[in-house]
Each structure stands twice: as structure tokens, then as C-alpha cells.
């Protein structure tokens, strides 16, 4: 996946009903993620979009995130090159956590970014 054509959006400009795609691995997702985000590890994005896009199809751009932004930029570029409207979340999950934005985890531990 190429990192070209990867427009971005800031946390402040994110719409409340935005479709957020988190492309981190399972352990990263379980440790902490944005409530309501859709989890599809980076290696599964192409298959998911081809066969079961479901809630990822929206009138708004798909907002893609990962830990720091590198994987999300590649996925954003791939989505845009394949006919989807996508933007990269500036700062990724580290930026989200650093700004004190709400997160949830899949366990008993407080949510965090690993």
C-alpha cells in the first residue's frame, strides 16, 4: 500500500458521526480504542472492503487511524486509489490519547495505546 494520496483530518475537525477505521493489530485494539470505531487489521483491509464493507460504506469519508499514523496513511492512500473516500486521522491513537479524548478497552484495564 502506497502512502501517496493520503489526506488527513484533525481530531478537532472530526464529525461526531464519523466512520472510524482502526487498522491496528488485535492486541493494540484490545488495549484501547475509540468507542464505535470499526476494527480491521491492516492485513485484512483489502478483503474486508471487497467482500464485507458493511458499516465502512458511508456518505462521509472513512477516517483511518493506527498508533502513530504510518499504517493509516498507507490504508488511506489504498482506499482512495480504490474508489473509497478516506482521510487519515492526524496523530493517530497516540495523538488521540495525548489530547485526552475518550477511549475504551476490551478488558478490565484502563484504556491505553500500546
PDB file of N, CA and C in Angstrom:
ATOM      1  N   UNK A   1       0.844  -1.176   0.000  1.00  0.00           N
ATOM      2  CA  UNK A   1       0.000   0.000   0.000  1.00  0.00           C
ATOM      3  C   UNK A   1       0.887   1.236   0.000  1.00  0.00           C
ATOM      4  N   UNK A   2       0.607   2.129  -0.901  1.00  0.00           N
ATOM      5  CA  UNK A   2       1.396   3.353  -1.030  1.00  0.00           C
ATOM      6  C   UNK A   2       0.871   4.430  -0.087  1.00  0.00           C
ATOM      7  N   UNK A   3       1.756   5.291   0.385  1.00  0.00           N
ATOM      8  CA  UNK A   3       1.356   6.362   1.289  1.00  0.00           C
ATOM      9  C   UNK A   3       1.009   7.646   0.540  1.00  0.00           C
ATOM     10  N   UNK A   4       0.987   7.602  -0.785  1.00  0.00           N
ATOM     11  CA  UNK A   4       0.598   8.770  -1.565  1.00  0.00           C
ATOM     12  C   UNK A   4      -0.907   8.966  -1.431  1.00  0.00           C
ATOM     13  N   UNK A   5      -1.352  10.178  -1.743  1.00  0.00           N
ATOM     14  CA  UNK A   5      -2.784  10.463  -1.737  1.00  0.00           C
ATOM     15  C   UNK A   5      -3.446  10.124  -0.414  1.00  0.00           C
ATOM     16  N   UNK A   6      -2.847  10.562   0.676  1.00  0.00           N
ATOM     17  CA  UNK A   6      -3.402  10.285   1.995  1.00  0.00           C
ATOM     18  C   UNK A   6      -3.771  11.585   2.696  1.00  0.00           C
ATOM     19  N   UNK A   7      -4.909  12.190   2.323  1.00  0.00           N
ATOM     20  CA  UNK A   7      -5.339  13.406   3.016  1.00  0.00           C
ATOM     21  C   UNK A   7      -5.593  13.109   4.482  1.00  0.00           C
ATOM     22  N   UNK A   8      -5.555  14.138   5.303  1.00  0.00           N
ATOM     23  CA  UNK A   8      -5.738  13.911   6.732  1.00  0.00           C
ATOM     24  C   UNK A   8      -6.786  14.855   7.306  1.00  0.00           C
ATOM     25  N   UNK A   9      -7.213  14.518   8.538  1.00  0.00           N
ATOM     26  CA  UNK A   9      -8.183  15.322   9.267  1.00  0.00           C
ATOM     27  C   UNK A   9      -7.705  15.423  10.717  1.00  0.00           C
ATOM     28  N   UNK A  10      -7.931  16.563  11.332  1.00  0.00           N
ATOM     29  CA  UNK A  10      -7.538  16.739  12.730  1.00  0.00           C
ATOM     30  C   UNK A  10      -8.638  16.206  13.652  1.00  0.00           C
ATOM     31  N   UNK A  11      -8.268  15.928  14.880  1.00  0.00           N
ATOM     32  CA  UNK A  11      -9.252  15.484  15.867  1.00  0.00           C
ATOM     33  C   UNK A  11     -10.352  16.524  16.031  1.00  0.00           C
ATOM     34  N   UNK A  12      -9.979  17.786  15.966  1.00  0.00           N
ATOM     35  CA  UNK A  12     -10.936  18.871  16.164  1.00  0.00           C
ATOM     36  C   UNK A  12     -11.958  18.955  15.030  1.00  0.00           C
ATOM     37  N   UNK A  13     -11.575  18.539  13.836  1.00  0.00           N
ATOM     38  CA  UNK A  13     -12.480  18.611  12.687  1.00  0.00           C
ATOM     39  C   UNK A  13     -13.306  17.348  12.489  1.00  0.00           C
ATOM     40  N   UNK A  14     -13.092  16.357  13.330  1.00  0.00           N
ATOM     41  CA  UNK A  14     -13.796  15.078  13.215  1.00  0.00           C
ATOM     42  C   UNK A  14     -15.268  15.264  13.540  1.00  0.00           C
ATOM     43  N   UNK A  15     -16.134  14.800  12.670  1.00  0.00           N
ATOM     44  CA  UNK A  15     -17.576  14.884  12.903  1.00  0.00           C
ATOM     45  C   UNK A  15     -18.003  13.821  13.920  1.00  0.00           C
ATOM     46  N   UNK A  16     -19.008  14.116  14.743  1.00  0.00           N
ATOM     47  CA  UNK A  16     -19.442  13.156  15.764  1.00  0.00           C
ATOM     48  C   UNK A  16     -19.889  11.811  15.191  1.00  0.00           C
ATOM     49  N   UNK A  17     -20.413  11.815  13.977  1.00  0.00           N
ATOM     50  CA  UNK A  17     -20.905  10.573  13.378  1.00  0.00           C
ATOM     51  C   UNK A  17     -19.924   9.993  12.357  1.00  0.00           C
ATOM     52  N   UNK A  18     -18.663  10.386  12.453  1.00  0.00           N
ATOM     53  CA  UNK A  18     -17.646   9.895  11.520  1.00  0.00           C
ATOM     54  C   UNK A  18     -17.485   8.386  11.633  1.00  0.00           C
ATOM     55  N   UNK A  19     -17.207   7.751  10.497  1.00  0.00           N
ATOM     56  CA  UNK A  19     -16.902   6.328  10.461  1.00  0.00           C
ATOM     57  C   UNK A  19     -15.393   6.199  10.650  1.00  0.00           C
ATOM     58  N   UNK A  20     -14.970   5.611  11.765  1.00  0.00           N
ATOM     59  CA  UNK A  20     -13.551   5.488  12.087  1.00  0.00           C
ATOM     60  C   UNK A  20     -13.108   4.042  11.888  1.00  0.00           C
ATOM     61  N   UNK A  21     -12.063   3.875  11.092  1.00  0.00           N
ATOM     62  CA  UNK A  21     -11.485   2.562  10.815  1.00  0.00           C
ATOM     63  C   UNK A  21     -10.138   2.480  11.516  1.00  0.00           C
ATOM     64  N   UNK A  22     -10.020   1.572  12.477  1.00  0.00           N
ATOM     65  CA  UNK A  22      -8.786   1.363  13.220  1.00  0.00           C
ATOM     66  C   UNK A  22      -8.079   0.150  12.620  1.00  0.00           C
ATOM     67  N   UNK A  23      -6.880   0.359  12.065  1.00  0.00           N
ATOM     68  CA  UNK A  23      -6.173  -0.708  11.348  1.00  0.00           C
ATOM     69  C   UNK A  23      -5.053  -1.348  12.168  1.00  0.00           C
ATOM     70  N   UNK A  24      -5.059  -1.128  13.484  1.00  0.00           N
ATOM     71  CA  UNK A  24      -4.038  -1.727  14.340  1.00  0.00           C
ATOM     72  C   UNK A  24      -4.303  -3.216  14.541  1.00  0.00           C
ATOM     73  N   UNK A  25      -3.333  -3.899  15.120  1.00  0.00           N
ATOM     74  CA  UNK A  25      -3.451  -5.326  15.381  1.00  0.00           C
ATOM     75  C   UNK A  25      -4.364  -5.575  16.587  1.00  0.00           C
ATOM     76  N   UNK A  26      -4.773  -6.826  16.755  1.00  0.00           N
ATOM     77  CA  UNK A  26      -5.751  -7.187  17.778  1.00  0.00           C
ATOM     78  C   UNK A  26      -5.345  -6.759  19.183  1.00  0.00           C
ATOM     79  N   UNK A  27      -4.081  -6.954  19.563  1.00  0.00           N
ATOM     80  CA  UNK A  27      -3.653  -6.601  20.918  1.00  0.00           C
ATOM     81  C   UNK A  27      -3.676  -5.089  21.129  1.00  0.00           C
ATOM     82  N   UNK A  28      -3.339  -4.336  20.099  1.00  0.00           N
ATOM     83  CA  UNK A  28      -3.384  -2.875  20.194  1.00  0.00           C
ATOM     84  C   UNK A  28      -4.818  -2.399  20.376  1.00  0.00           C
ATOM     85  N   UNK A  29      -5.723  -2.965  19.582  1.00  0.00           N
ATOM     86  CA  UNK A  29      -7.148  -2.622  19.659  1.00  0.00           C
ATOM     87  C   UNK A  29      -7.692  -2.935  21.050  1.00  0.00           C
ATOM     88  N   UNK A  30      -7.400  -4.131  21.563  1.00  0.00           N
ATOM     89  CA  UNK A  30      -7.928  -4.553  22.857  1.00  0.00           C
ATOM     90  C   UNK A  30      -7.467  -3.632  23.984  1.00  0.00           C
ATOM     91  N   UNK A  31      -6.246  -3.119  23.894  1.00  0.00           N
ATOM     92  CA  UNK A  31      -5.697  -2.250  24.950  1.00  0.00           C
ATOM     93  C   UNK A  31      -6.418  -0.908  25.019  1.00  0.00           C
ATOM     94  N   UNK A  32      -6.873  -0.396  23.890  1.00  0.00           N
ATOM     95  CA  UNK A  32      -7.581   0.874  23.900  1.00  0.00           C
ATOM     96  C   UNK A  32      -7.922   1.335  22.503  1.00  0.00           C
ATOM     97  N   UNK A  33      -9.161   1.763  22.315  1.00  0.00           N
ATOM     98  CA  UNK A  33      -9.616   2.234  21.014  1.00  0.00           C
ATOM     99  C   UNK A  33     -10.751   3.240  21.175  1.00  0.00           C
ATOM    100  N   UNK A  34     -11.093   3.883  20.090  1.00  0.00           N
ATOM    101  CA  UNK A  34     -12.188   4.846  20.073  1.00  0.00           C
ATOM    102  C   UNK A  34     -13.502   4.069  20.069  1.00  0.00           C
ATOM    103  N   UNK A  35     -14.370   4.394  21.007  1.00  0.00           N
ATOM    104  CA  UNK A  35     -15.661   3.723  21.097  1.00  0.00           C
ATOM    105  C   UNK A  35     -16.428   3.925  19.787  1.00  0.00           C
ATOM    106  N   UNK A  36     -16.925   2.843  19.230  1.00  0.00           N
ATOM    107  CA  UNK A  36     -17.684   2.920  17.990  1.00  0.00           C
ATOM    108  C   UNK A  36     -16.860   2.759  16.731  1.00  0.00           C
ATOM    109  N   UNK A  37     -15.533   2.733  16.868  1.00  0.00           N
ATOM    110  CA  UNK A  37     -14.662   2.533  15.702  1.00  0.00           C
ATOM    111  C   UNK A  37     -14.832   1.110  15.181  1.00  0.00           C
ATOM    112  N   UNK A  38     -14.475   0.923  13.917  1.00  0.00           N
ATOM    113  CA  UNK A  38     -14.507  -0.395  13.289  1.00  0.00           C
ATOM    114  C   UNK A  38     -13.074  -0.907  13.246  1.00  0.00           C
ATOM    115  N   UNK A  39     -12.856  -2.121  13.740  1.00  0.00           N
ATOM    116  CA  UNK A  39     -11.507  -2.688  13.780  1.00  0.00           C
ATOM    117  C   UNK A  39     -11.301  -3.655  12.622  1.00  0.00           C
ATOM    118  N   UNK A  40     -10.339  -3.324  11.762  1.00  0.00           N
ATOM    119  CA  UNK A  40      -9.924  -4.210  10.679  1.00  0.00           C
ATOM    120  C   UNK A  40      -8.406  -4.107  10.597  1.00  0.00           C
ATOM    121  N   UNK A  41      -7.671  -5.122  11.063  1.00  0.00           N
ATOM    122  CA  UNK A  41      -6.203  -5.059  10.983  1.00  0.00           C
ATOM    123  C   UNK A  41      -5.752  -4.781   9.548  1.00  0.00           C
ATOM    124  N   UNK A  42      -4.645  -4.074   9.423  1.00  0.00           N
ATOM    125  CA  UNK A  42      -4.168  -3.618   8.116  1.00  0.00           C
ATOM    126  C   UNK A  42      -4.106  -4.739   7.076  1.00  0.00           C
ATOM    127  N   UNK A  43      -3.713  -5.928   7.470  1.00  0.00           N
ATOM    128  CA  UNK A  43      -3.599  -7.031   6.529  1.00  0.00           C
ATOM    129  C   UNK A  43      -4.929  -7.553   6.014  1.00  0.00           C
ATOM    130  N   UNK A  44      -6.026  -7.142   6.616  1.00  0.00           N
ATOM    131  CA  UNK A  44      -7.361  -7.616   6.229  1.00  0.00           C
ATOM    132  C   UNK A  44      -8.202  -6.558   5.526  1.00  0.00           C
ATOM    133  N   UNK A  45      -7.679  -5.346   5.384  1.00  0.00           N
ATOM    134  CA  UNK A  45      -8.476  -4.242   4.830  1.00  0.00           C
ATOM    135  C   UNK A  45      -8.957  -4.530   3.410  1.00  0.00           C
ATOM    136  N   UNK A  46      -8.074  -4.986   2.536  1.00  0.00           N
ATOM    137  CA  UNK A  46      -8.469  -5.207   1.137  1.00  0.00           C
ATOM    138  C   UNK A  46      -9.601  -6.224   1.034  1.00  0.00           C
ATOM    139  N   UNK A  47      -9.496  -7.348   1.748  1.00  0.00           N
ATOM    140  CA  UNK A  47     -10.555  -8.357   1.717  1.00  0.00           C
ATOM    141  C   UNK A  47     -11.856  -7.815   2.301  1.00  0.00           C
ATOM    142  N   UNK A  48     -11.760  -7.110   3.411  1.00  0.00           N
ATOM    143  CA  UNK A  48     -12.959  -6.571   4.055  1.00  0.00           C
ATOM    144  C   UNK A  48     -13.688  -5.606   3.121  1.00  0.00           C
ATOM    145  N   UNK A  49     -12.940  -4.717   2.465  1.00  0.00           N
ATOM    146  CA  UNK A  49     -13.570  -3.742   1.584  1.00  0.00           C
ATOM    147  C   UNK A  49     -14.140  -4.404   0.336  1.00  0.00           C
ATOM    148  N   UNK A  50     -13.533  -5.489  -0.114  1.00  0.00           N
ATOM    149  CA  UNK A  50     -14.020  -6.185  -1.310  1.00  0.00           C
ATOM    150  C   UNK A  50     -15.258  -7.036  -1.016  1.00  0.00           C
ATOM    151  N   UNK A  51     -15.305  -7.655   0.167  1.00  0.00           N
ATOM    152  CA  UNK A  51     -16.341  -8.647   0.425  1.00  0.00           C
ATOM    153  C   UNK A  51     -17.349  -8.285   1.507  1.00  0.00           C
ATOM    154  N   UNK A  52     -16.959  -7.479   2.489  1.00  0.00           N
ATOM    155  CA  UNK A  52     -17.872  -7.150   3.580  1.00  0.00           C
ATOM    156  C   UNK A  52     -17.636  -5.737   4.096  1.00  0.00           C
ATOM    157  N   UNK A  53     -17.798  -4.718   3.246  1.00  0.00           N
ATOM    158  CA  UNK A  53     -17.515  -3.355   3.717  1.00  0.00           C
ATOM    159  C   UNK A  53     -18.491  -2.885   4.790  1.00  0.00           C
ATOM    160  N   UNK A  54     -19.730  -3.375   4.748  1.00  0.00           N
ATOM    161  CA  UNK A  54     -20.709  -3.066   5.787  1.00  0.00           C
ATOM    162  C   UNK A  54     -20.727  -1.616   6.217  1.00  0.00           C
ATOM    163  N   UNK A  55     -20.508  -1.406   7.521  1.00  0.00           N
ATOM    164  CA  UNK A  55     -20.603  -0.081   8.120  1.00  0.00           C
ATOM    165  C   UNK A  55     -19.520   0.883   7.652  1.00  0.00           C
ATOM    166  N   UNK A  56     -18.545   0.384   6.889  1.00  0.00           N
ATOM    167  CA  UNK A  56     -17.491   1.262   6.386  1.00  0.00           C
ATOM    168  C   UNK A  56     -17.940   2.060   5.163  1.00  0.00           C
ATOM    169  N   UNK A  57     -19.058   1.671   4.580  1.00  0.00           N
ATOM    170  CA  UNK A  57     -19.601   2.446   3.464  1.00  0.00           C
ATOM    171  C   UNK A  57     -20.446   3.565   4.042  1.00  0.00           C
ATOM    172  N   UNK A  58     -20.129   4.786   3.676  1.00  0.00           N
ATOM    173  CA  UNK A  58     -20.772   5.949   4.265  1.00  0.00           C
ATOM    174  C   UNK A  58     -20.768   7.105   3.275  1.00  0.00           C
ATOM    175  N   UNK A  59     -21.620   8.077   3.530  1.00  0.00           N
ATOM    176  CA  UNK A  59     -21.604   9.302   2.720  1.00  0.00           C
ATOM    177  C   UNK A  59     -20.426  10.186   3.102  1.00  0.00           C
ATOM    178  N   UNK A  60     -19.853   9.942   4.266  1.00  0.00           N
ATOM    179  CA  UNK A  60     -18.701  10.703   4.742  1.00  0.00           C
ATOM    180  C   UNK A  60     -17.429   9.904   4.486  1.00  0.00           C
ATOM    181  N   UNK A  61     -16.290  10.589   4.460  1.00  0.00           N
ATOM    182  CA  UNK A  61     -15.028   9.857   4.309  1.00  0.00           C
ATOM    183  C   UNK A  61     -14.805   8.904   5.482  1.00  0.00           C
ATOM    184  N   UNK A  62     -14.147   7.792   5.203  1.00  0.00           N
ATOM    185  CA  UNK A  62     -13.708   6.874   6.250  1.00  0.00           C
ATOM    186  C   UNK A  62     -12.494   7.523   6.913  1.00  0.00           C
ATOM    187  N   UNK A  63     -12.506   7.643   8.229  1.00  0.00           N
ATOM    188  CA  UNK A  63     -11.383   8.210   8.968  1.00  0.00           C
ATOM    189  C   UNK A  63     -10.531   7.046   9.464  1.00  0.00           C
ATOM    190  N   UNK A  64      -9.312   6.946   8.963  1.00  0.00           N
ATOM    191  CA  UNK A  64      -8.446   5.797   9.260  1.00  0.00           C
ATOM    192  C   UNK A  64      -7.438   6.176  10.341  1.00  0.00           C
ATOM    193  N   UNK A  65      -7.264   5.280  11.311  1.00  0.00           N
ATOM    194  CA  UNK A  65      -6.300   5.528  12.375  1.00  0.00           C
ATOM    195  C   UNK A  65      -5.493   4.270  12.688  1.00  0.00           C
ATOM    196  N   UNK A  66      -4.322   4.500  13.266  1.00  0.00           N
ATOM    197  CA  UNK A  66      -3.455   3.437  13.781  1.00  0.00           C
ATOM    198  C   UNK A  66      -2.742   4.046  14.984  1.00  0.00           C
ATOM    199  N   UNK A  67      -1.631   3.500  15.401  1.00  0.00           N
ATOM    200  CA  UNK A  67      -0.938   4.019  16.583  1.00  0.00           C
ATOM    201  C   UNK A  67      -0.418   5.435  16.366  1.00  0.00           C
ATOM    202  N   UNK A  68       0.396   5.627  15.319  1.00  0.00           N
ATOM    203  CA  UNK A  68       1.002   6.940  15.101  1.00  0.00           C
ATOM    204  C   UNK A  68       0.703   7.574  13.762  1.00  0.00           C
ATOM    205  N   UNK A  69       0.165   6.815  12.819  1.00  0.00           N
ATOM    206  CA  UNK A  69      -0.223   7.384  11.531  1.00  0.00           C
ATOM    207  C   UNK A  69       0.355   6.715  10.298  1.00  0.00           C
ATOM    208  N   UNK A  70       1.440   5.963  10.429  1.00  0.00           N
ATOM    209  CA  UNK A  70       2.077   5.364   9.266  1.00  0.00           C
ATOM    210  C   UNK A  70       1.212   4.340   8.553  1.00  0.00           C
ATOM    211  N   UNK A  71       0.676   3.397   9.305  1.00  0.00           N
ATOM    212  CA  UNK A  71      -0.191   2.383   8.692  1.00  0.00           C
ATOM    213  C   UNK A  71      -1.462   3.022   8.152  1.00  0.00           C
ATOM    214  N   UNK A  72      -2.004   3.970   8.905  1.00  0.00           N
ATOM    215  CA  UNK A  72      -3.234   4.631   8.478  1.00  0.00           C
ATOM    216  C   UNK A  72      -3.035   5.399   7.176  1.00  0.00           C
ATOM    217  N   UNK A  73      -1.877   6.033   7.012  1.00  0.00           N
ATOM    218  CA  UNK A  73      -1.605   6.742   5.754  1.00  0.00           C
ATOM    219  C   UNK A  73      -1.587   5.786   4.583  1.00  0.00           C
ATOM    220  N   UNK A  74      -0.982   4.616   4.760  1.00  0.00           N
ATOM    221  CA  UNK A  74      -0.944   3.626   3.675  1.00  0.00           C
ATOM    222  C   UNK A  74      -2.346   3.124   3.338  1.00  0.00           C
ATOM    223  N   UNK A  75      -3.146   2.850   4.364  1.00  0.00           N
ATOM    224  CA  UNK A  75      -4.512   2.374   4.132  1.00  0.00           C
ATOM    225  C   UNK A  75      -5.358   3.480   3.498  1.00  0.00           C
ATOM    226  N   UNK A  76      -5.222   4.703   3.973  1.00  0.00           N
ATOM    227  CA  UNK A  76      -5.965   5.829   3.394  1.00  0.00           C
ATOM    228  C   UNK A  76      -5.655   5.962   1.909  1.00  0.00           C
ATOM    229  N   UNK A  77      -4.379   5.907   1.561  1.00  0.00           N
ATOM    230  CA  UNK A  77      -3.980   6.011   0.155  1.00  0.00           C
ATOM    231  C   UNK A  77      -4.553   4.856  -0.654  1.00  0.00           C
ATOM    232  N   UNK A  78      -4.503   3.649  -0.098  1.00  0.00           N
ATOM    233  CA  UNK A  78      -5.040   2.489  -0.803  1.00  0.00           C
ATOM    234  C   UNK A  78      -6.548   2.630  -1.014  1.00  0.00           C
ATOM    235  N   UNK A  79      -7.265   3.039   0.044  1.00  0.00           N
ATOM    236  CA  UNK A  79      -8.714   3.214  -0.072  1.00  0.00           C
ATOM    237  C   UNK A  79      -9.047   4.239  -1.153  1.00  0.00           C
ATOM    238  N   UNK A  80      -8.367   5.375  -1.127  1.00  0.00           N
ATOM    239  CA  UNK A  80      -8.629   6.417  -2.119  1.00  0.00           C
ATOM    240  C   UNK A  80      -8.309   5.942  -3.531  1.00  0.00           C
ATOM    241  N   UNK A  81      -7.238   5.183  -3.700  1.00  0.00           N
ATOM    242  CA  UNK A  81      -6.855   4.667  -5.013  1.00  0.00           C
ATOM    243  C   UNK A  81      -7.836   3.616  -5.523  1.00  0.00           C
ATOM    244  N   UNK A  82      -8.625   3.047  -4.606  1.00  0.00           N
ATOM    245  CA  UNK A  82      -9.567   2.006  -4.982  1.00  0.00           C
ATOM    246  C   UNK A  82     -11.020   2.465  -4.917  1.00  0.00           C
ATOM    247  N   UNK A  83     -11.216   3.760  -5.008  1.00  0.00           N
ATOM    248  CA  UNK A  83     -12.565   4.296  -5.157  1.00  0.00           C
ATOM    249  C   UNK A  83     -13.312   4.638  -3.893  1.00  0.00           C
ATOM    250  N   UNK A  84     -12.678   4.531  -2.739  1.00  0.00           N
ATOM    251  CA  UNK A  84     -13.320   4.908  -1.484  1.00  0.00           C
ATOM    252  C   UNK A  84     -12.850   6.309  -1.099  1.00  0.00           C
ATOM    253  N   UNK A  85     -13.627   6.985  -0.293  1.00  0.00           N
ATOM    254  CA  UNK A  85     -13.274   8.314   0.195  1.00  0.00           C
ATOM    255  C   UNK A  85     -12.742   8.144   1.610  1.00  0.00           C
ATOM    256  N   UNK A  86     -11.450   8.430   1.819  1.00  0.00           N
ATOM    257  CA  UNK A  86     -10.836   8.201   3.124  1.00  0.00           C
ATOM    258  C   UNK A  86      -9.872   9.311   3.487  1.00  0.00           C
ATOM    259  N   UNK A  87      -9.721   9.541   4.790  1.00  0.00           N
ATOM    260  CA  UNK A  87      -8.759  10.500   5.330  1.00  0.00           C
ATOM    261  C   UNK A  87      -8.049   9.861   6.513  1.00  0.00           C
ATOM    262  N   UNK A  88      -6.836  10.302   6.758  1.00  0.00           N
ATOM    263  CA  UNK A  88      -6.016   9.823   7.862  1.00  0.00           C
ATOM    264  C   UNK A  88      -6.265  10.711   9.089  1.00  0.00           C
ATOM    265  N   UNK A  89      -6.423  10.094  10.263  1.00  0.00           N
ATOM    266  CA  UNK A  89      -6.587  10.861  11.499  1.00  0.00           C
ATOM    267  C   UNK A  89      -5.220  11.352  11.956  1.00  0.00           C
ATOM    268  N   UNK A  90      -5.012  12.668  11.933  1.00  0.00           N
ATOM    269  CA  UNK A  90      -3.735  13.259  12.349  1.00  0.00           C
ATOM    270  C   UNK A  90      -3.332  12.777  13.739  1.00  0.00           C
ATOM    271  N   UNK A  91      -2.096  12.323  13.870  1.00  0.00           N
ATOM    272  CA  UNK A  91      -1.564  11.923  15.169  1.00  0.00           C
ATOM    273  C   UNK A  91      -1.940  10.529  15.612  1.00  0.00           C
ATOM    274  N   UNK A  92      -2.833   9.880  14.896  1.00  0.00           N
ATOM    275  CA  UNK A  92      -3.235   8.528  15.241  1.00  0.00           C
ATOM    276  C   UNK A  92      -3.758   8.408  16.666  1.00  0.00           C
ATOM    277  N   UNK A  93      -3.694   7.212  17.200  1.00  0.00           N
ATOM    278  CA  UNK A  93      -4.199   6.960  18.542  1.00  0.00           C
ATOM    279  C   UNK A  93      -3.318   7.584  19.621  1.00  0.00           C
ATOM    280  N   UNK A  94      -2.026   7.736  19.353  1.00  0.00           N
ATOM    281  CA  UNK A  94      -1.172   8.432  20.329  1.00  0.00           C
ATOM    282  C   UNK A  94      -1.624   9.877  20.490  1.00  0.00           C
ATOM    283  N   UNK A  95      -1.948  10.529  19.386  1.00  0.00           N
ATOM    284  CA  UNK A  95      -2.450  11.904  19.441  1.00  0.00           C
ATOM    285  C   UNK A  95      -3.814  11.976  20.110  1.00  0.00           C
ATOM    286  N   UNK A  96      -4.649  10.993  19.832  1.00  0.00           N
ATOM    287  CA  UNK A  96      -5.987  10.938  20.425  1.00  0.00           C
ATOM    288  C   UNK A  96      -5.873  10.832  21.943  1.00  0.00           C
ATOM    289  N   UNK A  97      -5.052   9.880  22.407  1.00  0.00           N
ATOM    290  CA  UNK A  97      -4.854   9.689  23.843  1.00  0.00           C
ATOM    291  C   UNK A  97      -4.199  10.915  24.466  1.00  0.00           C
ATOM    292  N   UNK A  98      -3.197  11.474  23.783  1.00  0.00           N
ATOM    293  CA  UNK A  98      -2.491  12.647  24.299  1.00  0.00           C
ATOM    294  C   UNK A  98      -3.390  13.862  24.458  1.00  0.00           C
ATOM    295  N   UNK A  99      -4.436  13.937  23.640  1.00  0.00           N
ATOM    296  CA  UNK A  99      -5.376  15.053  23.729  1.00  0.00           C
ATOM    297  C   UNK A  99      -6.468  14.787  24.768  1.00  0.00           C
ATOM    298  N   UNK A 100      -6.380  13.632  25.436  1.00  0.00           N
ATOM    299  CA  UNK A 100      -7.357  13.311  26.468  1.00  0.00           C
ATOM    300  C   UNK A 100      -8.710  12.904  25.924  1.00  0.00           C
ATOM    301  N   UNK A 101      -8.744  12.472  24.673  1.00  0.00           N
ATOM    302  CA  UNK A 101     -10.014  12.045  24.076  1.00  0.00           C
ATOM    303  C   UNK A 101     -10.434  10.696  24.666  1.00  0.00           C
ATOM    304  N   UNK A 102     -11.735  10.433  24.733  1.00  0.00           N
ATOM    305  CA  UNK A 102     -12.206   9.193  25.364  1.00  0.00           C
ATOM    306  C   UNK A 102     -11.856   7.940  24.564  1.00  0.00           C
ATOM    307  N   UNK A 103     -11.540   6.889  25.305  1.00  0.00           N
ATOM    308  CA  UNK A 103     -11.245   5.586  24.719  1.00  0.00           C
ATOM    309  C   UNK A 103     -11.875   4.513  25.596  1.00  0.00           C
ATOM    310  N   UNK A 104     -11.998   3.326  25.025  1.00  0.00           N
ATOM    311  CA  UNK A 104     -12.471   2.160  25.760  1.00  0.00           C
ATOM    312  C   UNK A 104     -11.474   1.030  25.529  1.00  0.00           C
ATOM    313  N   UNK A 105     -11.516   0.022  26.397  1.00  0.00           N
ATOM    314  CA  UNK A 105     -10.655  -1.152  26.221  1.00  0.00           C
ATOM    315  C   UNK A 105     -11.525  -2.393  26.251  1.00  0.00           C
ATOM    316  N   UNK A 106     -10.956  -3.511  25.854  1.00  0.00           N
ATOM    317  CA  UNK A 106     -11.702  -4.772  25.850  1.00  0.00           C
ATOM    318  C   UNK A 106     -11.524  -5.550  27.149  1.00  0.00           C
ATOM    319  N   UNK A 107     -10.779  -5.037  28.097  1.00  0.00           N
ATOM    320  CA  UNK A 107     -10.550  -5.760  29.341  1.00  0.00           C
ATOM    321  C   UNK A 107     -10.891  -4.915  30.539  1.00  0.00           C
ATOM    322  N   UNK A 108     -10.330  -5.327  31.671  1.00  0.00           N
ATOM    323  CA  UNK A 108     -10.570  -4.620  32.934  1.00  0.00           C
ATOM    324  C   UNK A 108      -9.593  -3.467  33.143  1.00  0.00           C
ATOM    325  N   UNK A 109      -8.553  -3.401  32.327  1.00  0.00           N
ATOM    326  CA  UNK A 109      -7.548  -2.361  32.463  1.00  0.00           C
ATOM    327  C   UNK A 109      -8.036  -1.044  31.847  1.00  0.00           C
ATOM    328  N   UNK A 110      -7.566   0.088  32.385  1.00  0.00           N
ATOM    329  CA  UNK A 110      -7.917   1.370  31.763  1.00  0.00           C
ATOM    330  C   UNK A 110      -7.391   1.388  30.316  1.00  0.00           C
ATOM    331  N   UNK A 111      -8.124   2.028  29.409  1.00  0.00           N
ATOM    332  CA  UNK A 111      -7.682   2.049  28.010  1.00  0.00           C
ATOM    333  C   UNK A 111      -6.374   2.812  27.840  1.00  0.00           C
ATOM    334  N   UNK A 112      -5.517   2.290  26.981  1.00  0.00           N
ATOM    335  CA  UNK A 112      -4.252   2.932  26.669  1.00  0.00           C
ATOM    336  C   UNK A 112      -3.845   2.548  25.262  1.00  0.00           C
ATOM    337  N   UNK A 113      -2.867   3.253  24.722  1.00  0.00           N
ATOM    338  CA  UNK A 113      -2.330   2.946  23.394  1.00  0.00           C
ATOM    339  C   UNK A 113      -1.008   2.221  23.574  1.00  0.00           C
ATOM    340  N   UNK A 114      -0.916   1.041  22.969  1.00  0.00           N
ATOM    341  CA  UNK A 114       0.347   0.283  23.024  1.00  0.00           C
ATOM    342  C   UNK A 114       0.945   0.170  21.637  1.00  0.00           C
TER     343      UNK A 114
END
